[in-house]
Protein backbone atom coordinates (compact mmCIF):
# COMPACT_ATOMS: atom_id res chain seq x y z
CA UNK A 1 29.60 46.42 20.13
CA UNK A 2 29.32 44.28 16.99
CA UNK A 3 28.12 41.32 19.04
CA UNK A 4 25.52 43.47 20.79
CA UNK A 5 24.29 44.77 17.42
CA UNK A 6 24.02 41.24 15.99
CA UNK A 7 22.11 40.05 19.05
CA UNK A 8 19.70 42.98 18.75
CA UNK A 9 19.02 42.19 15.09
CA UNK A 10 18.30 38.55 15.92
CA UNK A 11 16.01 39.57 18.78
CA UNK A 12 14.03 41.94 16.56
CA UNK A 13 13.74 39.23 13.87
CA UNK A 14 12.31 36.75 16.36
CA UNK A 15 10.08 39.34 17.96
CA UNK A 16 8.24 40.07 14.72
CA UNK A 17 7.07 36.44 14.67
CA UNK A 18 6.44 36.15 18.39
CA UNK A 19 4.05 39.14 18.72
CA UNK A 20 1.45 38.02 16.13
CA UNK A 21 1.64 34.48 17.46
CA UNK A 22 0.41 35.68 20.83
CA UNK A 23 -2.64 37.11 19.10
CA UNK A 24 -3.85 34.46 16.64
CA UNK A 25 -1.15 32.17 15.30
CA UNK A 26 -3.06 28.90 15.80
CA UNK A 27 -6.67 28.78 14.68
CA UNK A 28 -9.36 26.21 14.11
CA UNK A 29 -11.07 26.55 10.76
CA UNK A 30 -14.83 25.77 10.86
CA UNK A 31 -15.71 22.40 12.41
CA UNK A 32 -12.47 20.62 11.61
CA UNK A 33 -9.82 18.82 13.69
CA UNK A 34 -7.17 20.43 11.49
CA UNK A 35 -5.12 23.20 13.08
CA UNK A 36 -3.94 25.88 10.66
CA UNK A 37 -0.74 27.82 11.26
CA UNK A 38 -0.66 30.96 9.18
CA UNK A 39 1.88 33.74 8.66
CA UNK A 40 -0.79 36.39 9.15
CA UNK A 41 -3.31 37.03 11.89
CA UNK A 42 -6.19 35.58 9.89
CA UNK A 43 -6.51 32.29 8.06
CA UNK A 44 -8.05 33.90 4.95
CA UNK A 45 -8.95 31.18 2.44
CA UNK A 46 -7.42 28.28 4.38
CA UNK A 47 -10.69 26.25 4.25
CA UNK A 48 -10.10 25.72 0.51
CA UNK A 49 -6.68 24.28 1.27
CA UNK A 50 -8.12 22.03 3.97
CA UNK A 51 -10.68 20.67 1.52
CA UNK A 52 -7.86 19.65 -0.80
CA UNK A 53 -6.19 17.73 2.04
CA UNK A 54 -9.41 15.87 2.77
CA UNK A 55 -10.24 15.23 -0.90
CA UNK A 56 -6.78 13.78 -1.59
CA UNK A 57 -6.59 11.39 1.36
CA UNK A 58 -5.46 7.88 0.48
CA UNK A 59 -8.15 5.27 -0.24
CA UNK A 60 -6.28 2.40 1.46
CA UNK A 61 -7.07 1.59 5.10
CA UNK A 62 -3.39 1.87 6.11
CA UNK A 63 -2.92 5.26 4.43
CA UNK A 64 -2.59 8.25 6.79
CA UNK A 65 -5.54 10.60 7.23
CA UNK A 66 -5.52 14.31 6.46
CA UNK A 67 -2.81 16.05 8.52
CA UNK A 68 -3.77 17.63 11.82
CA UNK A 69 -1.36 20.54 11.39
CA UNK A 70 -1.18 22.71 8.29
CA UNK A 71 1.15 25.57 7.47
CA UNK A 72 -0.31 27.97 4.88
CA UNK A 73 1.02 30.89 2.90
CA UNK A 74 -0.24 34.46 3.37
CA UNK A 75 -3.15 34.09 0.95
CA UNK A 76 -4.16 30.63 2.13
CA UNK A 77 -3.73 29.22 -1.39
CA UNK A 78 -0.96 26.76 -0.57
CA UNK A 79 -0.74 24.44 2.41
CA UNK A 80 2.02 22.26 3.82
CA UNK A 81 0.66 19.43 5.93
CA UNK A 82 2.69 17.47 8.48
CA UNK A 83 1.08 14.28 9.68
CA UNK A 84 1.08 10.53 10.00
CA UNK A 85 0.33 8.05 12.74
CA UNK A 86 1.94 6.00 15.47
CA UNK A 87 1.01 2.34 14.96
CA UNK A 88 1.70 -0.35 17.57
CA UNK A 89 0.80 -4.03 17.22
CA UNK A 90 0.99 -6.97 19.60
CA UNK A 91 0.92 -10.40 17.91
CA UNK A 92 0.51 -13.86 19.40
CA UNK A 93 0.90 -16.99 17.19
CA UNK A 94 -0.34 -20.38 18.36
CA UNK A 95 -0.60 -23.88 16.82
CA UNK A 96 2.38 -23.13 14.53
CA UNK A 97 3.90 -19.76 13.79
CA UNK A 98 4.36 -17.47 10.81
CA UNK A 99 8.01 -16.54 10.44
CA UNK A 100 7.21 -12.91 9.64
CA UNK A 101 5.84 -9.89 11.45
CA UNK A 102 3.15 -9.83 8.74
CA UNK A 103 0.81 -12.80 8.44
CA UNK A 104 1.80 -14.51 5.20
CA UNK A 105 0.72 -18.12 4.57
CA UNK A 106 3.87 -18.69 2.47
CA UNK A 107 5.89 -18.10 5.66
CA UNK A 108 4.03 -20.60 7.85
CA UNK A 109 6.49 -22.79 9.73
CA UNK A 110 6.97 -26.28 8.33
CA UNK A 111 8.41 -29.21 10.25
CA UNK A 112 9.55 -29.06 13.86
CA UNK A 113 9.91 -25.80 15.69
CA UNK A 114 8.22 -23.55 18.21
CA UNK A 115 4.44 -23.81 18.25
CA UNK A 116 3.86 -20.30 19.57
CA UNK A 117 5.48 -16.88 19.58
CA UNK A 118 4.83 -13.34 20.79
CA UNK A 119 5.89 -10.29 18.76
CA UNK A 120 5.44 -6.54 18.91
CA UNK A 121 5.85 -4.19 15.99
CA UNK A 122 5.88 -0.42 15.70
CA UNK A 123 7.84 -0.10 12.45
CA UNK A 124 4.82 0.74 10.26
CA UNK A 125 4.35 4.06 12.06
CA UNK A 126 4.21 6.63 9.28
CA UNK A 127 5.33 10.23 8.84
CA UNK A 128 4.52 12.42 5.85
CA UNK A 129 4.87 15.89 4.35
CA UNK A 130 2.27 17.04 1.86
CA UNK A 131 2.17 20.28 -0.11
CA UNK A 132 -1.13 21.12 -1.80
CA UNK A 133 -2.53 23.95 -3.86
CA UNK A 134 -4.83 24.68 -6.76
CA UNK A 135 -4.27 26.10 -10.21
CA UNK A 136 -6.58 26.64 -13.17
CA UNK A 137 -4.42 24.47 -15.44
CA UNK A 138 -3.44 21.62 -13.09
CA UNK A 139 -6.45 21.51 -10.77
CA UNK A 140 -5.75 20.31 -7.23
CA UNK A 141 -1.97 19.93 -7.04
CA UNK A 142 -0.04 17.90 -4.48
CA UNK A 143 3.53 16.94 -3.70
CA UNK A 144 3.68 14.10 -1.21
CA UNK A 145 6.44 12.22 0.60
CA UNK A 146 6.02 9.59 3.31
CA UNK A 147 7.88 6.77 4.95
CA UNK A 148 7.93 4.29 7.81
CA UNK A 149 10.60 2.35 9.72
CA UNK A 150 10.50 -0.95 7.83
CA UNK A 151 13.94 -0.40 6.27
CA UNK A 152 16.93 -2.61 7.01
CA UNK A 153 17.71 -2.50 10.71
CA UNK A 154 14.44 -0.62 11.32
CA UNK A 155 15.72 2.39 9.43
CA UNK A 156 13.49 4.92 7.72
CA UNK A 157 11.99 3.53 4.49
CA UNK A 158 10.50 5.56 1.66
CA UNK A 159 6.86 4.73 0.91
CA UNK A 160 5.81 7.61 -1.33
CA UNK A 161 7.52 10.47 -3.16
CA UNK A 162 5.40 11.84 -5.96
CA UNK A 163 3.81 14.83 -7.62
CA UNK A 164 0.15 14.55 -8.59
CA UNK A 165 -1.99 16.93 -10.63
CA UNK A 166 -5.51 16.66 -12.01
CA UNK A 167 -4.58 13.89 -14.45
CA UNK A 168 -0.88 13.03 -13.95
CA UNK A 169 1.12 11.21 -11.26
CA UNK A 170 4.90 11.27 -11.41
CA UNK A 171 7.09 9.62 -8.79
CA UNK A 172 7.26 6.64 -6.45
CA UNK A 173 4.01 5.23 -5.03
CA UNK A 174 1.60 2.28 -5.25
CA UNK A 175 1.24 0.73 -8.69
CA UNK A 176 -1.54 1.01 -11.27
CA UNK A 177 -2.40 -2.71 -11.12
CA UNK A 178 -4.19 -2.13 -7.81
CA UNK A 179 -7.63 -1.04 -6.62
CA UNK A 180 -6.86 0.57 -3.26
CA UNK A 181 -10.46 1.58 -2.56
CA UNK A 182 -11.58 -2.07 -2.60
CA UNK A 183 -8.95 -3.32 -0.14
CA UNK A 184 -10.27 -4.49 3.25
CA UNK A 185 -9.38 -3.23 6.72
CA UNK A 186 -6.96 -5.44 8.65
CA UNK A 187 -4.77 -5.05 11.71
CA UNK A 188 -2.22 -7.12 9.80
CA UNK A 189 -0.15 -4.67 7.80
CA UNK A 190 0.22 -6.85 4.69
CA UNK A 191 -3.45 -7.71 4.33
CA UNK A 192 -4.97 -10.67 2.44
CA UNK A 193 -2.63 -13.11 0.71
CA UNK A 194 -4.43 -12.72 -2.63
CA UNK A 195 -4.32 -8.93 -2.70
CA UNK A 196 -2.11 -7.26 -5.30
CA UNK A 197 0.24 -4.75 -3.71
CA UNK A 198 3.49 -3.18 -4.86
CA UNK A 199 5.24 0.20 -5.06
CA UNK A 200 7.20 1.51 -8.02
CA UNK A 201 8.44 4.64 -9.75
CA UNK A 202 5.97 5.61 -12.44
CA UNK A 203 4.42 8.10 -14.81
CA UNK A 204 0.66 7.59 -14.77
CA UNK A 205 -2.19 9.31 -16.58
CA UNK A 206 -5.85 9.07 -15.61
CA UNK A 207 -8.87 10.92 -16.96
CA UNK A 208 -12.66 10.68 -17.23
CA UNK A 209 -13.88 9.15 -20.50
CA UNK A 210 -17.49 10.04 -19.77
CA UNK A 211 -19.63 10.55 -16.71
CA UNK A 212 -18.72 7.90 -14.15
CA UNK A 213 -16.09 6.15 -16.33
CA UNK A 214 -12.39 6.71 -15.59
CA UNK A 215 -9.44 5.33 -17.55
CA UNK A 216 -5.84 5.10 -16.39
CA UNK A 217 -2.60 4.08 -18.06
CA UNK A 218 1.03 4.32 -17.00
CA UNK A 219 4.62 3.25 -17.37
CA UNK A 220 6.33 1.77 -14.31
CA UNK A 221 9.82 0.66 -13.34
CA UNK A 222 9.96 -3.15 -13.70
CA UNK A 223 10.76 -5.28 -10.66
CA UNK A 224 11.02 -8.99 -11.38
CA UNK A 225 11.20 -11.67 -8.66
CA UNK A 226 12.78 -14.84 -10.02
CA UNK A 227 14.44 -18.07 -8.91
CA UNK A 228 17.68 -18.89 -10.75
CA UNK A 229 20.12 -21.78 -10.85
CA UNK A 230 23.67 -22.25 -12.13
CA UNK A 231 22.46 -22.11 -15.73
CA UNK A 232 20.34 -18.94 -15.57
CA UNK A 233 20.56 -15.34 -14.42
CA UNK A 234 18.12 -12.44 -14.23
CA UNK A 235 19.28 -8.84 -14.41
CA UNK A 236 17.94 -5.50 -15.53
CA UNK A 237 14.76 -5.48 -17.62
CA UNK A 238 14.57 -3.76 -21.00
CA UNK A 239 11.01 -2.38 -20.94
CA UNK A 240 8.73 -0.79 -18.35
CA UNK A 241 5.60 -2.32 -16.88
CA UNK A 242 2.44 -0.96 -18.52
CA UNK A 243 -0.72 -1.02 -16.39
CA UNK A 244 -4.13 -0.09 -17.78
CA UNK A 245 -7.53 0.12 -16.09
CA UNK A 246 -11.15 1.19 -16.57
CA UNK A 247 -13.19 2.14 -13.50
CA UNK A 248 -16.93 2.78 -13.50
CA UNK A 249 -18.54 4.58 -10.58
CA UNK A 250 -21.96 3.02 -9.93
CA UNK A 251 -22.95 5.47 -7.19
CA UNK A 252 -21.36 7.10 -4.16
CA UNK A 253 -19.21 4.44 -2.47
CA UNK A 254 -19.60 1.82 -5.21
CA UNK A 255 -17.62 0.96 -8.33
CA UNK A 256 -16.40 -1.81 -10.60
CA UNK A 257 -12.91 -1.86 -12.06
CA UNK A 258 -11.21 -3.88 -14.81
CA UNK A 259 -7.44 -3.72 -15.25
CA UNK A 260 -4.46 -5.33 -16.87
CA UNK A 261 -0.68 -5.15 -16.94
CA UNK A 262 2.09 -6.09 -19.38
CA UNK A 263 5.58 -6.82 -18.01
CA UNK A 264 8.97 -7.54 -19.52
CA UNK A 265 10.52 -10.79 -18.24
CA UNK A 266 14.04 -11.15 -19.61
CA UNK A 267 16.72 -13.58 -18.49
CA UNK A 268 20.04 -14.95 -19.68
CA UNK A 269 20.56 -18.58 -20.65
CA UNK A 270 24.08 -19.21 -19.37
CA UNK A 271 24.22 -22.61 -21.05
CA UNK A 272 23.98 -21.01 -24.50
CA UNK A 273 25.14 -17.54 -23.42
CA UNK A 274 22.06 -15.93 -24.94
CA UNK A 275 19.42 -13.49 -23.77
CA UNK A 276 15.83 -14.68 -23.73
CA UNK A 277 12.76 -12.50 -23.41
CA UNK A 278 9.22 -13.31 -22.35
CA UNK A 279 6.14 -11.15 -21.99
CA UNK A 280 4.41 -11.41 -18.63
CA UNK A 281 0.79 -10.36 -18.31
CA UNK A 282 -1.95 -9.92 -15.76
CA UNK A 283 -5.70 -9.25 -15.72
CA UNK A 284 -7.82 -8.11 -12.81
CA UNK A 285 -11.44 -7.40 -11.82
CA UNK A 286 -12.47 -5.72 -8.57
CA UNK A 287 -15.46 -4.08 -6.98
CA UNK A 288 -16.67 -2.14 -3.95
CA UNK A 289 -20.35 -1.95 -3.02
CA UNK A 290 -21.90 0.12 -0.24
CA UNK A 291 -25.28 -1.16 0.94
CA UNK A 292 -26.31 1.04 3.84
CA UNK A 293 -24.05 0.15 6.76
CA UNK A 294 -22.63 -2.86 4.90
CA UNK A 295 -19.61 -2.60 2.60
CA UNK A 296 -18.73 -5.54 0.33
CA UNK A 297 -15.56 -5.71 -1.77
CA UNK A 298 -13.58 -8.24 -3.75
CA UNK A 299 -10.82 -8.73 -6.29
CA UNK A 300 -9.70 -11.46 -8.68
CA UNK A 301 -6.33 -11.43 -10.45
CA UNK A 302 -4.77 -13.87 -12.89
CA UNK A 303 -1.64 -13.81 -15.00
CA UNK A 304 1.74 -15.21 -15.92
CA UNK A 305 4.75 -13.64 -14.22
CA UNK A 306 2.77 -11.48 -11.76
CA UNK A 307 3.77 -13.26 -8.54
CA UNK A 308 5.86 -10.30 -7.38
CA UNK A 309 2.72 -8.14 -7.48
CA UNK A 310 0.74 -10.45 -5.16
CA UNK A 311 1.10 -10.20 -1.38
CA UNK A 312 1.83 -13.76 -0.32
CA UNK A 313 4.27 -14.73 -3.08
CA UNK A 314 5.89 -11.39 -3.88
CA UNK A 315 9.26 -12.32 -2.36
CA UNK A 316 9.65 -16.04 -3.11
CA UNK A 317 10.84 -15.76 -6.73
CA UNK A 318 7.91 -17.11 -8.73
CA UNK A 319 7.69 -14.69 -11.67
CA UNK A 320 10.32 -16.73 -13.52
CA UNK A 321 11.61 -20.18 -12.51
CA UNK A 322 14.00 -22.65 -14.18
CA UNK A 323 12.42 -25.37 -16.31
CA UNK A 324 13.24 -28.77 -14.73
CA UNK A 325 15.68 -30.90 -16.75
CA UNK A 326 16.23 -28.17 -19.39
CA UNK A 327 19.46 -26.38 -18.54
CA UNK A 328 19.32 -22.65 -19.13
CA UNK A 329 15.58 -22.41 -19.80
CA UNK A 330 13.13 -20.46 -17.65
CA UNK A 331 9.34 -20.23 -17.65
CA UNK A 332 6.64 -17.91 -16.39
CA UNK A 333 4.38 -19.30 -13.69
CA UNK A 334 0.63 -18.77 -13.81
CA UNK A 335 -0.75 -17.18 -10.64
CA UNK A 336 -4.35 -16.54 -9.71
CA UNK A 337 -5.34 -14.73 -6.53
CA UNK A 338 -8.52 -13.33 -5.01
CA UNK A 339 -10.18 -12.03 -1.88
CA UNK A 340 -13.72 -11.30 -0.71
CA UNK A 341 -14.47 -9.00 2.21
CA UNK A 342 -17.44 -7.58 4.11
CA UNK A 343 -17.48 -4.71 6.60
CA UNK A 344 -20.37 -3.64 8.81
CA UNK A 345 -20.40 -0.18 10.38
CA UNK A 346 -22.22 -0.26 13.69
CA UNK A 347 -21.61 3.47 14.03
CA UNK A 348 -19.17 6.11 12.81
CA UNK A 349 -16.75 4.94 15.52
CA UNK A 350 -17.17 1.14 15.50
CA UNK A 351 -17.04 -1.43 12.70
CA UNK A 352 -16.27 -5.12 12.18
CA UNK A 353 -15.06 -6.93 9.06
CA UNK A 354 -14.25 -10.38 7.73
CA UNK A 355 -11.99 -11.31 4.79
CA UNK A 356 -11.19 -14.57 3.05
CA UNK A 357 -8.41 -14.75 0.48
CA UNK A 358 -6.53 -17.30 -1.63
CA UNK A 359 -3.41 -17.40 -3.83
CA UNK A 360 -2.60 -20.26 -6.23
CA UNK A 361 0.56 -21.14 -8.20
CA UNK A 362 0.02 -23.45 -11.15
CA UNK A 363 2.62 -26.11 -11.94
CA UNK A 364 4.02 -26.36 -15.47
CA UNK A 365 6.47 -28.67 -17.27
CA UNK A 366 7.06 -31.01 -14.34
CA UNK A 367 7.67 -28.32 -11.71
CA UNK A 368 5.50 -30.02 -9.07
CA UNK A 369 7.47 -33.27 -9.39
CA UNK A 370 10.86 -31.52 -9.39
CA UNK A 371 10.03 -29.31 -6.38
CA UNK A 372 7.39 -31.12 -4.28
CA UNK A 373 7.99 -28.92 -1.23
CA UNK A 374 7.33 -25.72 -3.19
CA UNK A 375 4.37 -23.47 -2.31
CA UNK A 376 1.21 -24.32 -4.22
CA UNK A 377 -1.64 -22.51 -2.44
CA UNK A 378 -2.10 -20.07 0.42
CA UNK A 379 -5.32 -19.19 2.21
CA UNK A 380 -6.01 -16.35 4.61
CA UNK A 381 -8.94 -15.67 6.94
CA UNK A 382 -9.23 -12.46 8.98
CA UNK A 383 -11.98 -11.41 11.39
CA UNK A 384 -11.57 -8.11 13.20
CA UNK A 385 -13.15 -5.14 14.95
CA UNK A 386 -12.01 -1.51 15.12
CA UNK A 387 -13.13 1.26 17.46
CA UNK A 388 -12.32 4.98 17.55
CA UNK A 389 -11.95 5.57 21.29
CA UNK A 390 -11.09 9.24 20.84
CA UNK A 391 -10.87 11.77 18.04
CA UNK A 392 -7.48 10.42 16.94
CA UNK A 393 -7.02 7.01 18.60
CA UNK A 394 -8.20 3.78 16.99
CA UNK A 395 -7.97 0.36 18.64
CA UNK A 396 -8.25 -2.96 16.81
CA UNK A 397 -8.46 -6.67 17.59
CA UNK A 398 -8.13 -9.41 14.98
CA UNK A 399 -8.05 -13.17 14.57
CA UNK A 400 -6.08 -14.62 11.64
CA UNK A 401 -5.94 -18.17 10.32
CA UNK A 402 -3.68 -19.24 7.48
CA UNK A 403 -3.16 -22.39 5.44
CA UNK A 404 -0.21 -23.32 3.23
CA UNK A 405 -0.45 -26.20 0.76
CA UNK A 406 2.66 -27.46 -1.08
CA UNK A 407 2.84 -29.38 -4.35
CA UNK A 408 3.31 -32.62 -2.36
CA UNK A 409 -0.17 -31.94 -0.86
CA UNK A 410 1.17 -31.37 2.67
CA UNK A 411 -0.80 -28.68 4.50
CA UNK A 412 0.47 -26.36 7.24
CA UNK A 413 -1.70 -24.10 9.41
CA UNK A 414 -1.11 -21.17 11.73
CA UNK A 415 -3.17 -18.87 13.93
CA UNK A 416 -2.56 -15.34 15.17
CA UNK A 417 -4.26 -12.86 17.48
CA UNK A 418 -3.48 -9.22 16.70
CA UNK A 419 -4.05 -6.19 18.91
CA UNK A 420 -3.40 -2.68 17.59
CA UNK A 421 -3.39 0.94 18.67
CA UNK A 422 -3.11 3.71 16.09
CA UNK A 423 -2.85 7.39 16.92
CA UNK A 424 -3.33 9.78 13.99
CA UNK A 425 -1.71 13.18 13.97
């Protein structure tokens, strides 16, 4: 009897959800591809929630779009979005290969080896959960988590986990020394070699100084990329990174942005058993201009000890390097990097773009002579076309050419053809 009673209770509990669902559980709200799932038979004020999802979409080309499915509360004031995209790429290298699934000039093959390779990648497919709402004090409020499968062994990797209000961002996401809106569209997941890109845990504040002018400042977890030898070591850093920027909106779809960053760069001199500290710095200017169907963007960055923030050299240990012939001493390397891009929109469903980019490492204190085979300059050319073949499916084709120049003036080239299919949900 007890089992029958328990089963009846469970059945009644499920039935109360099943009956309304048959009436109007799923509903389209105005002319929108978003499907709203609501706990009542009407969607009430769900359009306000949907607007928040659209207004808080990421500015970067590889960011997911607004979620297709939204779960709202009874009043339609809070929404939980579930979305992402499935991203598949096919890559063919010829006339030398890049030893990476992303096209990085620093990874161009040198010396003998295979002259071509075929790869496929689906690990940048992204899944996210996003909770949004609005309050009088905080404005549009969002809690966002996302990840892809670029972790070790193709495991799930965290990309974002943050809370964002009208003026404050707290959590793990892309850094403040970046202008995401200016970044070009590429099939290649990494993008141009001279583009700054990194993720970090941070507390950031941004606000409008006056009409059209925005200022942002933050504190970020430091992440130094260094090369050490038997006389040096690099461990935990003592101070956070501090990014600062000013962004002026010229008109809809156009802006200029100036930014900078200060970074702690500490190391230990094992020869004298002492801690040494240096201050790394970076400066940056970027812009995005919309001229009818043509979009033009660019960025220039320069600084000492900012290599780990720049795409092509972020993982080769060039923030700090040992000083040749001076045991236990390390130095910051000067890096300058830039890109220029143009995109033409033939229609709302078809566009083409071209990007050229360059990254340079500057030799100091005999580094070029001591390490002649070390990376000196990388160049990156991308030409592509993207088409929306359905409401949610985008196809892309891209040609990439890369150059790597070492301090001994030897140059290495590589070519790649990329094909992509991305389904947003």
